[in-house]
């Protein structure tokens, strides 16, 4: 795939195969540039990949305040509403800048960004397809929230995946991740959403780019 087009003011990178139509789907992910570069190379789906680089994950992608997960990390400050509103306003402008008219938008988030991706479907979201990859669905209060609230923007297709050893975390909160992810995926299926769930070999930090690329390919599988 050609090198990314960097949109400096937006902390965004745009990747697309040569001659990809402007109407091809657009998928947002939230990764560091070196990770996004690998995802772009691994994609087989014909999509416009947009990668957002944020350093304040504990704020930007947390749905509500919660205690920190690690001693040296900041507390979660619940900035997801602000982030989603910003994306809803900025994406159309970015698309105009790039000359795009995507027939659908997706989001494929990893870790806390995976939590954000799933959470976005419960609000006024600009995304029609959602992938939650090793999502932090162990987050305090998530399981009850996800299985008791209606989805305001139910996606046309959803994909959840985890590493098969993530549930073995020695951190009590994080050890609940597989149960919470399965419960969320099951709830979405019951709501009539085409939902896939996959277990990958390894832990939370294994094969981030490959898992993200697989999720995006799955979102676009029937396109």
C-alpha atoms as a PDB file:
ATOM      1  CA  UNK A   1       0.000   0.000   0.000  1.00  0.00           C
ATOM      2  CA  UNK A   2       1.305   3.540  -0.707  1.00  0.00           C
ATOM      3  CA  UNK A   3       2.653   5.553   2.247  1.00  0.00           C
ATOM      4  CA  UNK A   4       0.155   7.288   4.486  1.00  0.00           C
ATOM      5  CA  UNK A   5      -1.085  10.768   3.770  1.00  0.00           C
ATOM      6  CA  UNK A   6      -0.554  12.597   7.043  1.00  0.00           C
ATOM      7  CA  UNK A   7      -3.165  15.139   8.113  1.00  0.00           C
ATOM      8  CA  UNK A   8      -1.034  16.957  10.649  1.00  0.00           C
ATOM      9  CA  UNK A   9      -3.675  19.211  12.130  1.00  0.00           C
ATOM     10  CA  UNK A  10      -5.917  16.258  12.872  1.00  0.00           C
ATOM     11  CA  UNK A  11      -3.287  13.774  14.140  1.00  0.00           C
ATOM     12  CA  UNK A  12      -4.647  11.534  11.412  1.00  0.00           C
ATOM     13  CA  UNK A  13      -3.066   9.297   8.816  1.00  0.00           C
ATOM     14  CA  UNK A  14      -4.898   8.175   5.687  1.00  0.00           C
ATOM     15  CA  UNK A  15      -4.019   4.964   3.865  1.00  0.00           C
ATOM     16  CA  UNK A  16      -5.559   3.718   0.633  1.00  0.00           C
ATOM     17  CA  UNK A  17      -4.517   1.463  -2.240  1.00  0.00           C
ATOM     18  CA  UNK A  18      -3.849   3.218  -5.515  1.00  0.00           C
ATOM     19  CA  UNK A  19      -6.991   4.040  -7.479  1.00  0.00           C
ATOM     20  CA  UNK A  20      -9.327   3.092  -4.631  1.00  0.00           C
ATOM     21  CA  UNK A  21     -12.722   4.687  -5.339  1.00  0.00           C
ATOM     22  CA  UNK A  22     -13.778   7.643  -3.235  1.00  0.00           C
ATOM     23  CA  UNK A  23     -16.929   5.725  -2.329  1.00  0.00           C
ATOM     24  CA  UNK A  24     -15.046   2.806  -0.768  1.00  0.00           C
ATOM     25  CA  UNK A  25     -15.741   2.292   2.956  1.00  0.00           C
ATOM     26  CA  UNK A  26     -13.765   4.246   5.530  1.00  0.00           C
ATOM     27  CA  UNK A  27     -12.558   2.586   8.734  1.00  0.00           C
ATOM     28  CA  UNK A  28     -11.115   4.523  11.657  1.00  0.00           C
ATOM     29  CA  UNK A  29      -8.614   2.982  14.009  1.00  0.00           C
ATOM     30  CA  UNK A  30      -6.679   4.500  16.897  1.00  0.00           C
ATOM     31  CA  UNK A  31      -3.071   3.376  16.789  1.00  0.00           C
ATOM     32  CA  UNK A  32       0.441   4.737  16.885  1.00  0.00           C
ATOM     33  CA  UNK A  33       1.846   5.485  13.426  1.00  0.00           C
ATOM     34  CA  UNK A  34       4.170   2.463  13.303  1.00  0.00           C
ATOM     35  CA  UNK A  35       1.259   0.157  14.183  1.00  0.00           C
ATOM     36  CA  UNK A  36      -1.053   1.769  11.648  1.00  0.00           C
ATOM     37  CA  UNK A  37       1.603   1.332   8.952  1.00  0.00           C
ATOM     38  CA  UNK A  38       1.625  -2.434   9.567  1.00  0.00           C
ATOM     39  CA  UNK A  39      -2.179  -2.664   9.644  1.00  0.00           C
ATOM     40  CA  UNK A  40      -2.341  -0.933   6.272  1.00  0.00           C
ATOM     41  CA  UNK A  41       0.110  -3.439   4.798  1.00  0.00           C
ATOM     42  CA  UNK A  42      -1.889  -6.392   6.157  1.00  0.00           C
ATOM     43  CA  UNK A  43      -5.294  -5.306   4.907  1.00  0.00           C
ATOM     44  CA  UNK A  44      -6.926  -7.275   2.133  1.00  0.00           C
ATOM     45  CA  UNK A  45     -10.175  -5.289   2.235  1.00  0.00           C
ATOM     46  CA  UNK A  46     -10.594  -2.349  -0.132  1.00  0.00           C
ATOM     47  CA  UNK A  47     -11.127   0.380   2.443  1.00  0.00           C
ATOM     48  CA  UNK A  48      -9.854   3.823   3.248  1.00  0.00           C
ATOM     49  CA  UNK A  49      -7.982   3.423   6.531  1.00  0.00           C
ATOM     50  CA  UNK A  50      -7.890   6.443   8.819  1.00  0.00           C
ATOM     51  CA  UNK A  51      -5.744   6.173  11.943  1.00  0.00           C
ATOM     52  CA  UNK A  52      -6.059   8.572  14.870  1.00  0.00           C
ATOM     53  CA  UNK A  53      -3.003   9.002  17.093  1.00  0.00           C
ATOM     54  CA  UNK A  54      -3.934   9.965  20.665  1.00  0.00           C
ATOM     55  CA  UNK A  55      -1.685   9.870  23.718  1.00  0.00           C
ATOM     56  CA  UNK A  56      -4.412  10.515  26.321  1.00  0.00           C
ATOM     57  CA  UNK A  57      -6.188   7.150  26.060  1.00  0.00           C
ATOM     58  CA  UNK A  58      -7.298   7.106  29.703  1.00  0.00           C
ATOM     59  CA  UNK A  59      -9.266  10.277  29.045  1.00  0.00           C
ATOM     60  CA  UNK A  60     -10.215  10.085  25.365  1.00  0.00           C
ATOM     61  CA  UNK A  61     -11.585   6.544  25.303  1.00  0.00           C
ATOM     62  CA  UNK A  62     -13.043   5.985  28.780  1.00  0.00           C
ATOM     63  CA  UNK A  63     -16.856   6.240  28.927  1.00  0.00           C
ATOM     64  CA  UNK A  64     -17.020   7.458  32.540  1.00  0.00           C
ATOM     65  CA  UNK A  65     -14.601   8.099  35.403  1.00  0.00           C
ATOM     66  CA  UNK A  66     -13.022   5.068  37.062  1.00  0.00           C
ATOM     67  CA  UNK A  67      -9.924   4.297  39.138  1.00  0.00           C
ATOM     68  CA  UNK A  68      -6.659   3.758  37.313  1.00  0.00           C
ATOM     69  CA  UNK A  69      -5.711   0.240  36.254  1.00  0.00           C
ATOM     70  CA  UNK A  70      -2.008   0.576  37.075  1.00  0.00           C
ATOM     71  CA  UNK A  71      -0.140   2.515  39.754  1.00  0.00           C
ATOM     72  CA  UNK A  72       1.767   4.730  37.328  1.00  0.00           C
ATOM     73  CA  UNK A  73      -1.188   5.367  35.023  1.00  0.00           C
ATOM     74  CA  UNK A  74      -3.686   8.213  35.417  1.00  0.00           C
ATOM     75  CA  UNK A  75      -7.243   7.610  36.528  1.00  0.00           C
ATOM     76  CA  UNK A  76      -9.847   7.203  33.810  1.00  0.00           C
ATOM     77  CA  UNK A  77     -11.566  10.558  33.385  1.00  0.00           C
ATOM     78  CA  UNK A  78     -14.492   9.719  31.111  1.00  0.00           C
ATOM     79  CA  UNK A  79     -13.760  11.729  27.969  1.00  0.00           C
ATOM     80  CA  UNK A  80     -15.429   9.392  25.475  1.00  0.00           C
ATOM     81  CA  UNK A  81     -18.462  11.639  24.972  1.00  0.00           C
ATOM     82  CA  UNK A  82     -16.171  14.519  24.048  1.00  0.00           C
ATOM     83  CA  UNK A  83     -14.149  12.304  21.688  1.00  0.00           C
ATOM     84  CA  UNK A  84     -17.217  10.923  19.927  1.00  0.00           C
ATOM     85  CA  UNK A  85     -18.685  14.402  19.439  1.00  0.00           C
ATOM     86  CA  UNK A  86     -15.367  15.601  18.028  1.00  0.00           C
ATOM     87  CA  UNK A  87     -15.183  12.691  15.586  1.00  0.00           C
ATOM     88  CA  UNK A  88     -18.766  13.237  14.499  1.00  0.00           C
ATOM     89  CA  UNK A  89     -17.899  16.819  13.606  1.00  0.00           C
ATOM     90  CA  UNK A  90     -14.435  16.207  12.144  1.00  0.00           C
ATOM     91  CA  UNK A  91     -14.970  13.136   9.975  1.00  0.00           C
ATOM     92  CA  UNK A  92     -17.143  14.886   7.366  1.00  0.00           C
ATOM     93  CA  UNK A  93     -14.543  17.661   7.111  1.00  0.00           C
ATOM     94  CA  UNK A  94     -11.734  15.137   6.722  1.00  0.00           C
ATOM     95  CA  UNK A  95     -13.692  13.296   4.045  1.00  0.00           C
ATOM     96  CA  UNK A  96     -14.219  16.527   2.146  1.00  0.00           C
ATOM     97  CA  UNK A  97     -10.504  17.294   2.401  1.00  0.00           C
ATOM     98  CA  UNK A  98      -9.643  13.867   0.974  1.00  0.00           C
ATOM     99  CA  UNK A  99     -12.425  13.900  -1.607  1.00  0.00           C
ATOM    100  CA  UNK A 100     -14.121  10.850  -0.079  1.00  0.00           C
ATOM    101  CA  UNK A 101     -17.755   9.811  -0.025  1.00  0.00           C
ATOM    102  CA  UNK A 102     -17.592   6.473   1.805  1.00  0.00           C
ATOM    103  CA  UNK A 103     -20.672   4.265   1.506  1.00  0.00           C
ATOM    104  CA  UNK A 104     -20.218   3.317   5.155  1.00  0.00           C
ATOM    105  CA  UNK A 105     -17.919   4.141   8.045  1.00  0.00           C
ATOM    106  CA  UNK A 106     -16.483   1.684  10.516  1.00  0.00           C
ATOM    107  CA  UNK A 107     -14.380   1.865  13.650  1.00  0.00           C
ATOM    108  CA  UNK A 108     -11.878  -0.775  14.751  1.00  0.00           C
ATOM    109  CA  UNK A 109     -10.491  -0.044  18.198  1.00  0.00           C
ATOM    110  CA  UNK A 110      -7.886  -1.927  20.225  1.00  0.00           C
ATOM    111  CA  UNK A 111      -7.766  -2.076  24.041  1.00  0.00           C
ATOM    112  CA  UNK A 112      -9.343   1.098  25.475  1.00  0.00           C
ATOM    113  CA  UNK A 113     -10.114   2.210  21.929  1.00  0.00           C
ATOM    114  CA  UNK A 114     -11.978  -1.090  21.531  1.00  0.00           C
ATOM    115  CA  UNK A 115     -14.072  -0.195  24.568  1.00  0.00           C
ATOM    116  CA  UNK A 116     -14.711   3.186  22.971  1.00  0.00           C
ATOM    117  CA  UNK A 117     -15.725   1.549  19.692  1.00  0.00           C
ATOM    118  CA  UNK A 118     -18.298  -0.664  21.410  1.00  0.00           C
ATOM    119  CA  UNK A 119     -19.530   2.183  23.626  1.00  0.00           C
ATOM    120  CA  UNK A 120     -20.067   4.424  20.595  1.00  0.00           C
ATOM    121  CA  UNK A 121     -22.912   2.186  19.377  1.00  0.00           C
ATOM    122  CA  UNK A 122     -24.938   3.182  22.452  1.00  0.00           C
ATOM    123  CA  UNK A 123     -24.832   6.831  21.382  1.00  0.00           C
ATOM    124  CA  UNK A 124     -25.321   9.026  18.330  1.00  0.00           C
ATOM    125  CA  UNK A 125     -22.437   7.530  16.382  1.00  0.00           C
ATOM    126  CA  UNK A 126     -21.081   8.223  12.887  1.00  0.00           C
ATOM    127  CA  UNK A 127     -20.053   4.561  12.505  1.00  0.00           C
ATOM    128  CA  UNK A 128     -22.137   1.852  10.852  1.00  0.00           C
ATOM    129  CA  UNK A 129     -19.765  -1.064  11.584  1.00  0.00           C
ATOM    130  CA  UNK A 130     -17.872  -1.724  14.796  1.00  0.00           C
ATOM    131  CA  UNK A 131     -14.880  -3.875  15.742  1.00  0.00           C
ATOM    132  CA  UNK A 132     -13.741  -4.242  19.353  1.00  0.00           C
ATOM    133  CA  UNK A 133     -10.315  -5.872  19.366  1.00  0.00           C
ATOM    134  CA  UNK A 134      -8.984  -6.969  22.764  1.00  0.00           C
ATOM    135  CA  UNK A 135     -11.290  -4.288  24.077  1.00  0.00           C
ATOM    136  CA  UNK A 136     -11.075  -3.188  27.700  1.00  0.00           C
ATOM    137  CA  UNK A 137     -14.555  -4.497  28.452  1.00  0.00           C
ATOM    138  CA  UNK A 138     -13.409  -5.329  31.964  1.00  0.00           C
ATOM    139  CA  UNK A 139     -13.976  -1.600  32.587  1.00  0.00           C
ATOM    140  CA  UNK A 140     -15.911  -0.886  35.775  1.00  0.00           C
ATOM    141  CA  UNK A 141     -19.656  -0.994  35.114  1.00  0.00           C
ATOM    142  CA  UNK A 142     -19.365  -1.937  31.442  1.00  0.00           C
ATOM    143  CA  UNK A 143     -21.035  -5.361  31.510  1.00  0.00           C
ATOM    144  CA  UNK A 144     -24.174  -4.058  33.240  1.00  0.00           C
ATOM    145  CA  UNK A 145     -24.275  -0.996  31.000  1.00  0.00           C
ATOM    146  CA  UNK A 146     -23.804  -2.964  27.772  1.00  0.00           C
ATOM    147  CA  UNK A 147     -26.437  -5.586  28.464  1.00  0.00           C
ATOM    148  CA  UNK A 148     -29.125  -3.301  29.872  1.00  0.00           C
ATOM    149  CA  UNK A 149     -29.065  -0.275  27.549  1.00  0.00           C
ATOM    150  CA  UNK A 150     -30.522  -0.008  24.049  1.00  0.00           C
ATOM    151  CA  UNK A 151     -28.084   0.625  21.230  1.00  0.00           C
ATOM    152  CA  UNK A 152     -28.801   4.068  19.826  1.00  0.00           C
ATOM    153  CA  UNK A 153     -26.730   3.384  16.682  1.00  0.00           C
ATOM    154  CA  UNK A 154     -26.826  -0.403  16.191  1.00  0.00           C
ATOM    155  CA  UNK A 155     -24.142  -1.316  13.646  1.00  0.00           C
ATOM    156  CA  UNK A 156     -24.851  -3.337  10.530  1.00  0.00           C
ATOM    157  CA  UNK A 157     -21.959  -5.628  11.419  1.00  0.00           C
ATOM    158  CA  UNK A 158     -19.858  -6.100  14.565  1.00  0.00           C
ATOM    159  CA  UNK A 159     -16.721  -8.043  15.404  1.00  0.00           C
ATOM    160  CA  UNK A 160     -15.270  -8.822  18.834  1.00  0.00           C
ATOM    161  CA  UNK A 161     -11.962 -10.587  19.454  1.00  0.00           C
ATOM    162  CA  UNK A 162      -9.663 -11.385  22.370  1.00  0.00           C
ATOM    163  CA  UNK A 163      -6.448 -13.159  23.079  1.00  0.00           C
ATOM    164  CA  UNK A 164      -7.205 -16.567  24.600  1.00  0.00           C
ATOM    165  CA  UNK A 165      -4.994 -15.882  27.626  1.00  0.00           C
ATOM    166  CA  UNK A 166      -6.340 -12.419  28.460  1.00  0.00           C
ATOM    167  CA  UNK A 167      -8.728 -13.883  31.025  1.00  0.00           C
ATOM    168  CA  UNK A 168      -5.698 -15.225  32.913  1.00  0.00           C
ATOM    169  CA  UNK A 169      -4.597 -11.744  33.976  1.00  0.00           C
ATOM    170  CA  UNK A 170      -3.474 -11.469  37.588  1.00  0.00           C
ATOM    171  CA  UNK A 171      -5.310  -8.155  37.749  1.00  0.00           C
ATOM    172  CA  UNK A 172      -8.786  -8.970  39.175  1.00  0.00           C
ATOM    173  CA  UNK A 173     -10.564  -6.353  37.078  1.00  0.00           C
ATOM    174  CA  UNK A 174      -8.920  -7.404  33.822  1.00  0.00           C
ATOM    175  CA  UNK A 175      -9.540 -11.102  34.457  1.00  0.00           C
ATOM    176  CA  UNK A 176     -13.246 -10.472  33.769  1.00  0.00           C
ATOM    177  CA  UNK A 177     -12.594  -9.381  30.187  1.00  0.00           C
ATOM    178  CA  UNK A 178     -13.587 -12.571  28.379  1.00  0.00           C
ATOM    179  CA  UNK A 179     -16.868 -12.964  30.242  1.00  0.00           C
ATOM    180  CA  UNK A 180     -17.711  -9.304  29.636  1.00  0.00           C
ATOM    181  CA  UNK A 181     -16.801  -9.513  25.953  1.00  0.00           C
ATOM    182  CA  UNK A 182     -18.824 -12.665  25.392  1.00  0.00           C
ATOM    183  CA  UNK A 183     -21.801 -11.143  27.225  1.00  0.00           C
ATOM    184  CA  UNK A 184     -21.631  -8.006  25.076  1.00  0.00           C
ATOM    185  CA  UNK A 185     -21.341  -9.967  21.820  1.00  0.00           C
ATOM    186  CA  UNK A 186     -24.249 -12.207  22.863  1.00  0.00           C
ATOM    187  CA  UNK A 187     -26.401  -9.183  23.704  1.00  0.00           C
ATOM    188  CA  UNK A 188     -25.680  -7.611  20.336  1.00  0.00           C
ATOM    189  CA  UNK A 189     -26.592 -10.857  18.576  1.00  0.00           C
ATOM    190  CA  UNK A 190     -29.872 -10.905  20.468  1.00  0.00           C
ATOM    191  CA  UNK A 191     -30.516  -7.380  19.200  1.00  0.00           C
ATOM    192  CA  UNK A 192     -30.303  -8.672  15.634  1.00  0.00           C
ATOM    193  CA  UNK A 193     -26.807  -7.343  14.889  1.00  0.00           C
ATOM    194  CA  UNK A 194     -24.606  -9.552  12.720  1.00  0.00           C
ATOM    195  CA  UNK A 195     -21.905 -10.190  15.286  1.00  0.00           C
ATOM    196  CA  UNK A 196     -18.777 -12.348  15.173  1.00  0.00           C
ATOM    197  CA  UNK A 197     -16.552 -13.338  18.090  1.00  0.00           C
ATOM    198  CA  UNK A 198     -13.019 -14.729  17.773  1.00  0.00           C
ATOM    199  CA  UNK A 199     -10.357 -15.950  20.185  1.00  0.00           C
ATOM    200  CA  UNK A 200      -6.765 -15.432  19.063  1.00  0.00           C
ATOM    201  CA  UNK A 201      -3.682 -17.122  20.506  1.00  0.00           C
ATOM    202  CA  UNK A 202      -1.836 -15.050  23.087  1.00  0.00           C
ATOM    203  CA  UNK A 203      -2.310 -12.184  25.467  1.00  0.00           C
ATOM    204  CA  UNK A 204      -3.407  -8.586  25.294  1.00  0.00           C
ATOM    205  CA  UNK A 205      -0.301  -7.151  23.683  1.00  0.00           C
ATOM    206  CA  UNK A 206       0.293  -9.871  21.091  1.00  0.00           C
ATOM    207  CA  UNK A 207      -0.159  -9.262  17.359  1.00  0.00           C
ATOM    208  CA  UNK A 208      -1.902  -5.915  17.714  1.00  0.00           C
ATOM    209  CA  UNK A 209      -1.587  -4.973  14.043  1.00  0.00           C
ATOM    210  CA  UNK A 210      -2.530  -8.428  12.733  1.00  0.00           C
ATOM    211  CA  UNK A 211      -5.601  -8.625  14.981  1.00  0.00           C
ATOM    212  CA  UNK A 212      -6.704  -5.138  13.975  1.00  0.00           C
ATOM    213  CA  UNK A 213      -6.271  -5.898  10.277  1.00  0.00           C
ATOM    214  CA  UNK A 214      -8.262  -9.129  10.679  1.00  0.00           C
ATOM    215  CA  UNK A 215     -11.052  -7.161  12.359  1.00  0.00           C
ATOM    216  CA  UNK A 216     -11.218  -4.613   9.542  1.00  0.00           C
ATOM    217  CA  UNK A 217     -11.184  -7.362   6.936  1.00  0.00           C
ATOM    218  CA  UNK A 218     -14.087  -9.004   8.765  1.00  0.00           C
ATOM    219  CA  UNK A 219     -16.091  -5.768   8.885  1.00  0.00           C
ATOM    220  CA  UNK A 220     -15.737  -5.451   5.109  1.00  0.00           C
ATOM    221  CA  UNK A 221     -16.141  -9.159   4.338  1.00  0.00           C
ATOM    222  CA  UNK A 222     -19.544  -8.911   2.668  1.00  0.00           C
ATOM    223  CA  UNK A 223     -19.083  -5.508   1.110  1.00  0.00           C
END
